[in-house]
N, C-alpha and C. Protein backbone atom coordinates (compact mmCIF):
# COMPACT_ATOMS: atom_id res chain seq x y z
N UNK A 1 3.14 32.68 -9.75
CA UNK A 1 2.61 31.49 -10.19
C UNK A 1 2.48 30.17 -9.58
N UNK A 2 1.31 29.59 -9.43
CA UNK A 2 1.09 28.09 -8.93
C UNK A 2 1.93 27.08 -9.07
N UNK A 3 2.30 26.41 -8.30
CA UNK A 3 3.48 25.03 -8.54
C UNK A 3 2.68 24.36 -9.52
N UNK A 4 1.55 24.11 -8.91
CA UNK A 4 0.74 22.89 -9.78
C UNK A 4 -0.69 23.48 -10.63
N UNK A 5 -0.91 22.94 -11.59
CA UNK A 5 -2.18 23.35 -11.87
C UNK A 5 -3.45 22.88 -10.94
N UNK A 6 -4.62 23.76 -11.23
CA UNK A 6 -6.07 23.61 -10.53
C UNK A 6 -6.56 22.35 -10.55
N UNK A 7 -6.46 21.98 -12.06
CA UNK A 7 -6.79 20.91 -12.27
C UNK A 7 -6.11 19.38 -11.91
N UNK A 8 -4.78 19.46 -11.88
CA UNK A 8 -4.21 18.86 -11.01
C UNK A 8 -4.15 18.10 -9.85
N UNK A 9 -4.43 19.43 -8.82
CA UNK A 9 -4.59 19.73 -7.37
C UNK A 9 -6.06 18.89 -6.91
N UNK A 10 -6.88 19.47 -7.93
CA UNK A 10 -8.57 19.11 -7.80
C UNK A 10 -8.24 17.52 -8.18
N UNK A 11 -7.79 17.10 -9.05
CA UNK A 11 -7.73 15.38 -9.55
C UNK A 11 -6.99 14.58 -8.29
N UNK A 12 -5.76 15.35 -7.47
CA UNK A 12 -5.08 14.42 -6.49
C UNK A 12 -5.94 14.47 -5.48
N UNK A 13 -6.88 15.57 -4.85
CA UNK A 13 -7.38 15.59 -3.47
C UNK A 13 -8.47 14.17 -3.87
N UNK A 14 -9.52 14.65 -5.21
CA UNK A 14 -10.42 13.36 -5.57
C UNK A 14 -10.15 12.08 -5.72
N UNK A 15 -8.35 11.68 -6.08
CA UNK A 15 -7.63 10.55 -5.88
C UNK A 15 -8.01 10.03 -4.52
N UNK A 16 -7.49 10.76 -3.43
CA UNK A 16 -7.09 10.90 -2.21
C UNK A 16 -8.26 10.16 -1.48
N UNK A 17 -9.45 11.24 -1.67
CA UNK A 17 -10.89 10.55 -1.00
C UNK A 17 -11.23 9.88 -1.71
N UNK A 18 -11.04 9.09 -2.91
CA UNK A 18 -11.66 7.81 -3.24
C UNK A 18 -10.98 6.76 -2.47
N UNK A 19 -9.33 7.11 -2.56
CA UNK A 19 -8.55 6.03 -2.17
C UNK A 19 -8.82 5.71 -0.82
N UNK A 20 -9.10 6.77 0.12
CA UNK A 20 -9.47 6.78 1.76
C UNK A 20 -10.99 5.43 1.65
N UNK A 21 -11.87 6.15 1.04
CA UNK A 21 -13.19 5.44 0.74
C UNK A 21 -13.19 4.18 0.33
N UNK A 22 -12.23 3.94 -0.40
CA UNK A 22 -12.01 2.35 -0.95
C UNK A 22 -11.77 1.44 -0.01
N UNK A 23 -10.21 2.01 0.69
CA UNK A 23 -9.34 1.05 1.14
C UNK A 23 -8.77 1.63 2.57
N UNK A 24 -9.53 2.91 3.17
CA UNK A 24 -9.32 3.58 4.50
C UNK A 24 -7.76 3.65 4.68
N UNK A 25 -6.96 3.47 3.64
CA UNK A 25 -5.57 3.70 3.68
C UNK A 25 -5.27 4.44 2.44
N UNK A 26 -4.23 5.47 2.62
CA UNK A 26 -3.34 5.92 1.24
C UNK A 26 -2.06 5.54 1.23
N UNK A 27 -1.76 4.88 -0.09
CA UNK A 27 -0.71 4.59 -0.64
C UNK A 27 -0.45 5.60 -1.23
N UNK A 28 0.87 6.46 -0.67
CA UNK A 28 1.32 7.76 -1.26
C UNK A 28 1.74 7.71 -2.36
N UNK A 29 3.01 6.96 -2.97
CA UNK A 29 3.35 6.53 -4.16
C UNK A 29 2.51 6.54 -5.23
N UNK A 30 1.42 5.42 -5.17
CA UNK A 30 0.61 4.93 -5.93
C UNK A 30 -0.11 6.30 -6.63
N UNK A 31 -0.81 7.04 -5.71
CA UNK A 31 -1.20 8.08 -6.28
C UNK A 31 -0.50 9.13 -6.56
N UNK A 32 0.91 9.72 -6.13
CA UNK A 32 1.79 10.60 -6.91
C UNK A 32 1.93 9.42 -8.42
N UNK A 33 2.14 8.70 -8.33
CA UNK A 33 2.69 8.01 -9.85
C UNK A 33 1.29 7.80 -10.75
N UNK A 34 0.23 7.81 -10.08
CA UNK A 34 -1.01 8.05 -10.81
C UNK A 34 -1.42 9.47 -11.45
N UNK A 35 -0.94 10.60 -10.27
CA UNK A 35 -1.11 11.80 -10.76
C UNK A 35 -0.24 12.08 -12.04
N UNK A 36 1.13 11.64 -12.04
CA UNK A 36 2.23 11.90 -13.10
C UNK A 36 1.44 11.22 -14.23
N UNK A 37 0.98 10.13 -14.38
CA UNK A 37 0.51 9.44 -15.77
C UNK A 37 -0.81 10.51 -15.84
N UNK A 38 -1.20 11.22 -15.22
CA UNK A 38 -2.51 11.28 -15.70
C UNK A 38 -2.24 12.81 -16.32
N UNK A 39 -1.13 13.46 -16.11
CA UNK A 39 -0.77 14.78 -15.86
C UNK A 39 0.59 14.86 -16.56
N UNK A 40 0.64 14.16 -17.51
CA UNK A 40 2.45 14.19 -17.97
C UNK A 40 3.33 15.65 -18.58
N UNK A 41 2.67 16.43 -18.68
CA UNK A 41 2.79 17.72 -19.41
C UNK A 41 3.27 18.64 -17.99
N UNK A 42 2.88 17.98 -16.67
CA UNK A 42 2.72 19.63 -15.86
C UNK A 42 4.78 18.71 -15.25
N UNK A 43 5.28 20.12 -14.96
CA UNK A 43 6.36 20.21 -14.51
C UNK A 43 6.62 20.19 -13.05
N UNK A 44 6.48 18.64 -12.59
CA UNK A 44 6.48 18.24 -11.28
C UNK A 44 7.07 16.98 -10.84
N UNK A 45 7.90 16.68 -9.88
CA UNK A 45 8.32 15.46 -9.96
C UNK A 45 7.74 14.60 -9.11
N UNK A 46 7.98 13.61 -8.89
CA UNK A 46 7.48 12.54 -8.18
C UNK A 46 7.14 12.45 -6.63
N UNK A 47 8.65 13.30 -6.05
CA UNK A 47 8.48 13.39 -4.82
C UNK A 47 8.04 14.69 -4.30
N UNK A 48 7.76 15.62 -5.43
CA UNK A 48 7.05 17.06 -5.22
C UNK A 48 5.55 16.39 -4.94
N UNK A 49 4.80 15.54 -5.94
CA UNK A 49 3.68 15.10 -5.90
C UNK A 49 3.60 14.46 -4.61
N UNK A 50 4.09 13.39 -4.26
CA UNK A 50 4.09 12.40 -2.95
C UNK A 50 3.98 13.67 -1.66
N UNK A 51 4.54 14.41 -1.56
CA UNK A 51 4.85 15.49 -0.79
C UNK A 51 3.23 16.54 -0.68
N UNK A 52 2.50 16.43 -1.96
CA UNK A 52 1.04 16.80 -2.17
C UNK A 52 0.27 16.08 -1.65
N UNK A 53 0.24 14.62 -2.09
CA UNK A 53 -0.69 13.75 -1.57
C UNK A 53 -0.66 13.70 -0.24
N UNK A 54 0.85 13.62 0.54
CA UNK A 54 0.87 13.35 2.12
C UNK A 54 0.03 14.57 2.77
N UNK A 55 0.17 15.73 2.06
CA UNK A 55 -0.32 16.88 2.73
C UNK A 55 -2.19 16.65 2.53
N UNK A 56 -2.52 16.21 1.52
CA UNK A 56 -3.97 15.89 1.59
C UNK A 56 -4.07 15.08 2.44
N UNK A 57 -3.49 13.79 2.77
CA UNK A 57 -3.90 12.64 3.52
C UNK A 57 -3.83 13.46 4.95
N UNK A 58 -2.66 14.11 5.38
CA UNK A 58 -2.77 14.59 6.54
C UNK A 58 -3.88 15.66 6.88
N UNK A 59 -4.11 15.99 5.94
CA UNK A 59 -5.51 17.16 6.39
C UNK A 59 -6.53 16.23 6.54
N UNK A 60 -6.67 15.18 5.98
CA UNK A 60 -8.14 14.13 6.33
C UNK A 60 -7.67 12.96 7.31
N UNK A 61 -6.49 13.43 7.88
CA UNK A 61 -6.25 12.26 9.20
C UNK A 61 -6.28 11.00 8.00
N UNK A 62 -5.64 10.88 7.43
CA UNK A 62 -5.70 9.47 6.83
C UNK A 62 -4.30 8.63 7.28
N UNK A 63 -4.53 7.08 7.27
CA UNK A 63 -3.59 6.71 7.38
C UNK A 63 -2.59 6.38 6.12
N UNK A 64 -1.25 6.41 6.33
CA UNK A 64 -0.51 6.53 5.00
C UNK A 64 0.46 4.87 4.75
N UNK A 65 0.57 4.70 3.78
CA UNK A 65 1.28 3.36 3.40
C UNK A 65 2.45 4.25 2.33
N UNK A 66 3.67 3.37 1.92
CA UNK A 66 4.56 3.93 1.00
C UNK A 66 4.97 2.86 0.47
N UNK A 67 4.37 2.64 -0.32
CA UNK A 67 4.88 1.23 -1.50
C UNK A 67 4.13 1.58 -2.70
N UNK A 68 5.89 1.75 -3.34
CA UNK A 68 5.38 2.02 -5.06
C UNK A 68 4.72 0.82 -5.60
N UNK A 69 3.79 1.50 -6.56
CA UNK A 69 3.36 -0.03 -7.13
C UNK A 69 4.14 -0.59 -8.28
N UNK A 70 4.09 -1.69 -8.33
CA UNK A 70 4.63 -2.73 -9.33
C UNK A 70 4.72 -2.54 -11.03
N UNK A 71 3.38 -1.80 -11.13
CA UNK A 71 2.99 -1.55 -12.62
C UNK A 71 3.62 0.03 -12.84
N UNK A 72 4.20 0.99 -12.37
CA UNK A 72 4.65 1.93 -12.68
C UNK A 72 6.30 1.75 -12.62
N UNK A 73 7.07 2.01 -14.04
CA UNK A 73 8.34 1.89 -13.67
C UNK A 73 9.43 2.96 -12.65
N UNK A 74 10.48 2.10 -12.93
CA UNK A 74 11.45 2.44 -11.76
C UNK A 74 11.97 4.11 -12.48
N UNK A 75 12.62 4.46 -11.66
CA UNK A 75 13.30 5.74 -12.65
C UNK A 75 14.54 5.12 -12.75
N UNK A 76 15.29 5.03 -14.41
CA UNK A 76 16.69 4.59 -14.81
C UNK A 76 17.65 5.17 -13.59
N UNK A 77 18.37 4.76 -13.38
CA UNK A 77 19.80 5.22 -12.53
C UNK A 77 20.28 6.16 -13.47
N UNK A 78 20.70 7.56 -12.79
CA UNK A 78 21.20 8.46 -12.95
C UNK A 78 23.03 8.38 -13.77
N UNK A 79 22.74 9.08 -14.64
CA UNK A 79 24.37 8.57 -15.14
C UNK A 79 25.19 10.11 -15.70
N UNK A 80 26.68 10.26 -15.40
CA UNK A 80 26.78 11.33 -15.92
C UNK A 80 27.20 11.52 -17.55
N UNK A 81 27.60 12.39 -18.05
CA UNK A 81 27.65 12.63 -19.45
C UNK A 81 28.75 11.94 -19.97
N UNK A 82 29.35 10.75 -19.52
CA UNK A 82 30.58 9.90 -19.73
C UNK A 82 29.92 8.71 -19.83
N UNK A 83 28.36 8.41 -19.35
CA UNK A 83 27.66 7.51 -18.87
C UNK A 83 28.12 6.62 -17.61
N UNK A 84 28.58 7.20 -16.87
CA UNK A 84 29.04 6.27 -15.49
C UNK A 84 27.87 6.49 -14.52
N UNK A 85 27.37 5.56 -14.18
CA UNK A 85 26.20 5.54 -13.24
C UNK A 85 26.58 6.28 -11.90
N UNK A 86 25.67 7.12 -11.72
CA UNK A 86 26.09 8.00 -10.64
C UNK A 86 25.27 7.31 -9.13
N UNK A 87 25.75 7.14 -8.13
CA UNK A 87 24.98 6.42 -6.88
C UNK A 87 25.08 7.65 -5.70
């Protein structure tokens, strides 16, 4: 069974192409967060989406930037069952 839906992969590759046409630069986390927002029911992490974006960018010989967009929330801190923050 494929890890990502065909629809998500198609949109991811289209977003990479649009970013390269527009900016000539690929902001990997921004595209990953965009895909997560567009496909919230997909069972995939941001890190896995970033890996897919990087693979698509490498296939297109893209210059890449790794800057998390400010408009997307940061992940909340991890906590154990007692509520202690994990580091």
